Structure formats: C-alpha cells, structure tokens
Amino acid sequence: DKILEILKDIKPGTQFEGREDFISGKLLKSLDLVTLLSELEDEFDIEIPVEDVVPENFESVSDIIKLIEACK
C-alpha cells in the first residue's frame, strides 16, 4: 500500500492498481523513475543497485516489492 501511495504522489490521478505496464505503458517516465527510486530508498531504508534499475523491476507493484525485498 505504501508503494501505491508513493506512486500516486509521483503521478496523481494515474491508475496503478491492477496494472503491470508501468514502464512499457508509459505510466512512468524517466524522471518519475528517478523520483520513485529516491522515495523507495528513503521509505524502505534500502539502496537499489544501479544494475537493478531496469524496466522489468518497475512494471508493477509486485515487481517493485520483489526489488525491495532483494535489496534488504
């Protein structure tokens, strides 16, 4: 739920629930992704390695959760 809250703060009015195409569907652009990375690192006290910043890790909430878990 916190991830959805962060996404909605970055892109108000965008429907993220049930979507699995955040990057490929252009819901998130590069600047949005930079903001998302920063917010995730702050919120979850993690560091996301640059090699993990690939579209496949940011297509859905479940992908982002897997990434966060892998960085803990």
Protein backbone atom coordinates (compact mmCIF):
# COMPACT_ATOMS: atom_id res chain seq x y z
CA ASP A 1 0.00 0.00 0.00
CA LYS A 2 2.91 2.33 0.72
CA ILE A 3 4.23 1.72 -2.78
CA LEU A 4 0.88 2.72 -4.30
CA GLU A 5 0.85 5.82 -2.12
CA ILE A 6 4.32 6.80 -3.38
CA LEU A 7 3.29 6.16 -7.00
CA LYS A 8 0.16 8.27 -6.60
CA ASP A 9 2.21 11.11 -5.09
CA ILE A 10 4.52 11.00 -8.11
CA LYS A 11 1.72 10.73 -10.69
CA PRO A 12 -1.56 11.97 -9.17
CA GLY A 13 -4.66 10.73 -10.96
CA THR A 14 -2.90 7.78 -12.58
CA GLN A 15 -4.48 4.36 -12.10
CA PHE A 16 -1.73 1.99 -10.95
CA GLU A 17 -3.83 -0.73 -9.32
CA GLY A 18 -4.01 -3.91 -11.38
CA ARG A 19 -1.55 -2.61 -13.97
CA GLU A 20 1.60 -4.45 -14.99
CA ASP A 21 2.90 -1.97 -17.54
CA PHE A 22 4.17 0.99 -15.53
CA ILE A 23 7.19 1.41 -17.83
CA SER A 24 6.08 -0.22 -21.10
CA GLY A 25 2.70 1.53 -20.87
CA LYS A 26 4.49 4.83 -20.25
CA LEU A 27 2.77 5.42 -16.91
CA LEU A 28 6.22 6.24 -15.53
CA LYS A 29 8.78 8.22 -17.48
CA SER A 30 12.49 8.54 -16.68
CA LEU A 31 12.13 11.49 -14.30
CA ASP A 32 9.30 9.69 -12.50
CA LEU A 33 11.55 6.66 -12.12
CA VAL A 34 14.34 8.75 -10.58
CA THR A 35 11.84 10.16 -8.08
CA LEU A 36 10.44 6.69 -7.38
CA LEU A 37 13.92 5.29 -6.72
CA SER A 38 14.68 8.03 -4.24
CA GLU A 39 11.34 7.63 -2.46
CA LEU A 40 11.69 3.84 -2.23
CA GLU A 41 15.21 4.08 -0.86
CA ASP A 42 14.13 6.61 1.77
CA GLU A 43 10.90 4.87 2.75
CA PHE A 44 12.29 1.34 2.99
CA ASP A 45 15.83 2.25 4.09
CA ILE A 46 17.43 0.38 1.19
CA GLU A 47 19.92 1.08 -1.56
CA ILE A 48 18.91 -0.03 -5.04
CA PRO A 49 21.98 -1.01 -7.08
CA VAL A 50 22.23 0.66 -10.47
CA GLU A 51 22.25 -2.75 -12.20
CA ASP A 52 18.76 -3.37 -10.77
CA VAL A 53 17.36 -0.21 -12.33
CA VAL A 54 15.85 -1.99 -15.31
CA PRO A 55 12.29 -1.75 -16.66
CA GLU A 56 11.41 -5.32 -15.57
CA ASN A 57 11.79 -4.30 -11.91
CA PHE A 58 9.30 -1.43 -12.21
CA GLU A 59 6.42 -2.75 -14.33
CA SER A 60 4.06 -3.46 -11.41
CA VAL A 61 3.69 -3.12 -7.66
CA SER A 62 4.62 -6.80 -7.27
CA ASP A 63 7.81 -6.24 -9.29
CA ILE A 64 8.72 -3.29 -7.05
CA ILE A 65 8.02 -5.36 -3.91
CA LYS A 66 10.36 -8.11 -5.19
CA LEU A 67 13.05 -5.49 -5.85
CA ILE A 68 12.70 -4.03 -2.34
CA GLU A 69 12.89 -7.49 -0.78
CA ALA A 70 16.02 -8.27 -2.79
CA CYS A 71 17.67 -5.05 -1.59
CA LYS A 72 17.05 -5.65 2.12
